[in-house]
Amino acid sequence: MKNLVISASLSLDERISYWVKYFNNLNYNVLNYPKKINENNFLEIYPSIYRDFLESIIKADTLFIMNEDRNGVKGYIGSAVYAELCFAIAQNLIYDKNIEIYLYQMPSVEVSCYNEIKLWLELDKIKIWNN
């Protein structure tokens, strides 16, 4: 069973639930995915939660970038998701990890990291999910 982490915009929480079930049905072990954080102590707990999320990526066999459409932008990727994607790529490049990295779909040119995504696709460091 492969270990998988879902990286996504937290505002898409209903779709995150869908994808967690989807991957569980494909016999993936979903290690982590974005979860709501209590706003009352957000600043206190966010660093440890984000550290745990990044550590999950280190343990993952697969990182799934759930870049669904958001606010009229096709294949939206925000700054936190892009950072997580880069973190996984860095693990592969520097530490010879073999984390498979998949995007749900190609982002539109409106997405700020479009050119970098296109480059990593051309270099075969990331792929588009086809299942």
Protein backbone atom coordinates (compact mmCIF):
# COMPACT_ATOMS: atom_id res chain seq x y z
CA MET A 1 0.00 0.00 0.00
CA LYS A 2 1.40 3.38 -1.01
CA ASN A 3 1.44 6.34 1.34
CA LEU A 4 -0.13 9.49 -0.09
CA VAL A 5 -0.46 13.13 0.94
CA ILE A 6 -3.08 15.45 -0.52
CA SER A 7 -2.05 19.07 -0.94
CA ALA A 8 -4.91 21.49 -1.60
CA SER A 9 -6.53 24.79 -0.80
CA LEU A 10 -8.37 24.38 2.50
CA SER A 11 -11.29 26.33 1.06
CA LEU A 12 -12.08 23.21 -1.00
CA ASP A 13 -12.73 21.09 2.10
CA GLU A 14 -15.72 19.22 0.64
CA ARG A 15 -13.63 18.15 -2.35
CA ILE A 16 -10.77 17.17 -0.05
CA SER A 17 -13.15 14.72 1.67
CA TYR A 18 -14.07 13.30 -1.74
CA TRP A 19 -10.41 12.75 -2.66
CA VAL A 20 -9.55 11.15 0.70
CA LYS A 21 -12.31 8.57 0.11
CA TYR A 22 -11.27 8.18 -3.54
CA PHE A 23 -7.67 7.34 -2.65
CA ASN A 24 -8.69 5.08 0.24
CA ASN A 25 -10.78 3.12 -2.28
CA LEU A 26 -7.68 2.79 -4.48
CA ASN A 27 -5.87 1.28 -1.46
CA TYR A 28 -3.67 4.29 -0.77
CA ASN A 29 -2.86 5.09 2.83
CA VAL A 30 -3.70 8.81 3.07
CA LEU A 31 -1.14 10.14 5.54
CA ASN A 32 -2.25 13.74 5.59
CA TYR A 33 -4.42 16.36 3.94
CA PRO A 34 -5.44 19.95 4.77
CA LYS A 35 -7.65 20.24 7.84
CA LYS A 36 -9.31 23.25 9.42
CA ILE A 37 -7.38 24.84 12.26
CA ASN A 38 -9.05 26.43 15.27
CA GLU A 39 -8.80 30.18 14.77
CA ASN A 40 -8.58 30.88 18.53
CA ASN A 41 -5.03 29.54 18.77
CA PHE A 42 -4.06 29.49 15.08
CA LEU A 43 -0.74 31.31 15.50
CA GLU A 44 0.31 29.01 18.32
CA ILE A 45 -0.40 25.70 16.61
CA TYR A 46 0.11 26.45 12.91
CA PRO A 47 3.91 25.95 12.88
CA SER A 48 3.67 22.46 14.39
CA ILE A 49 0.75 21.48 12.16
CA TYR A 50 2.62 22.64 9.05
CA ARG A 51 5.77 20.86 10.20
CA ASP A 52 3.75 17.64 10.61
CA PHE A 53 2.32 18.14 7.13
CA LEU A 54 5.80 18.56 5.61
CA GLU A 55 7.04 15.50 7.51
CA SER A 56 4.14 13.57 5.98
CA ILE A 57 5.39 14.56 2.53
CA ILE A 58 8.83 13.17 3.43
CA LYS A 59 7.17 9.83 4.34
CA ALA A 60 4.93 9.79 1.27
CA ASP A 61 5.28 7.70 -1.84
CA THR A 62 2.87 10.03 -3.65
CA LEU A 63 1.95 13.71 -3.38
CA PHE A 64 -1.34 14.59 -5.00
CA ILE A 65 -1.82 18.27 -5.79
CA MET A 66 -5.59 18.70 -5.72
CA ASN A 67 -5.64 21.79 -7.89
CA GLU A 68 -9.31 21.97 -8.71
CA ASP A 69 -10.90 25.11 -10.10
CA ARG A 70 -11.31 27.90 -7.55
CA ASN A 71 -12.84 31.36 -7.91
CA GLY A 72 -13.05 30.96 -11.68
CA VAL A 73 -9.37 29.96 -12.02
CA LYS A 74 -8.80 26.59 -13.70
CA GLY A 75 -6.36 24.39 -11.81
CA TYR A 76 -5.79 26.88 -9.00
CA ILE A 77 -2.52 26.50 -7.07
CA GLY A 78 -1.96 28.86 -4.16
CA SER A 79 1.32 29.75 -2.53
CA ALA A 80 1.15 27.13 0.25
CA VAL A 81 0.37 24.31 -2.19
CA TYR A 82 3.16 25.49 -4.49
CA ALA A 83 5.56 25.49 -1.51
CA GLU A 84 4.55 21.90 -0.69
CA LEU A 85 5.05 20.88 -4.32
CA CYS A 86 8.52 22.46 -4.32
CA PHE A 87 9.32 20.74 -1.03
CA ALA A 88 8.55 17.34 -2.58
CA ILE A 89 10.59 18.16 -5.69
CA ALA A 90 13.49 19.22 -3.45
CA GLN A 91 13.25 15.91 -1.55
CA ASN A 92 13.55 14.07 -4.86
CA LEU A 93 16.40 16.19 -6.19
CA ILE A 94 18.53 16.59 -3.08
CA TYR A 95 17.86 13.45 -1.06
CA ASP A 96 17.21 11.03 -3.94
CA LYS A 97 13.67 10.38 -2.73
CA ASN A 98 11.23 9.01 -5.25
CA ILE A 99 8.02 10.80 -4.33
CA GLU A 100 5.58 10.57 -7.24
CA ILE A 101 4.05 14.01 -7.70
CA TYR A 102 0.72 14.38 -9.49
CA LEU A 103 -1.39 17.39 -10.36
CA TYR A 104 -5.11 16.89 -10.68
CA GLN A 105 -5.05 19.06 -13.81
CA MET A 106 -2.88 21.50 -15.69
CA PRO A 107 -3.30 24.98 -14.22
CA SER A 108 -4.34 27.88 -16.40
CA VAL A 109 -1.83 30.56 -17.32
CA GLU A 110 -3.53 32.77 -14.70
CA VAL A 111 -1.93 30.71 -11.95
CA SER A 112 1.21 32.50 -10.79
CA CYS A 113 3.40 29.38 -10.84
CA TYR A 114 2.20 28.26 -14.30
CA ASN A 115 5.63 28.56 -15.95
CA GLU A 116 7.36 26.59 -13.19
CA ILE A 117 4.69 23.88 -13.34
CA LYS A 118 5.10 23.67 -17.11
CA LEU A 119 8.88 23.33 -16.69
CA TRP A 120 8.62 20.56 -14.07
CA LEU A 121 6.16 18.71 -16.31
CA GLU A 122 8.57 18.99 -19.27
CA LEU A 123 11.36 17.67 -17.03
CA ASP A 124 9.09 14.75 -16.03
CA LYS A 125 9.41 15.62 -12.32
CA ILE A 126 5.64 15.94 -11.97
CA LYS A 127 2.74 14.38 -13.87
CA ILE A 128 -0.94 14.97 -14.47
CA TRP A 129 -3.24 12.46 -12.71
CA ASN A 130 -4.87 10.17 -15.27
CA ASN A 131 -6.85 7.66 -13.20
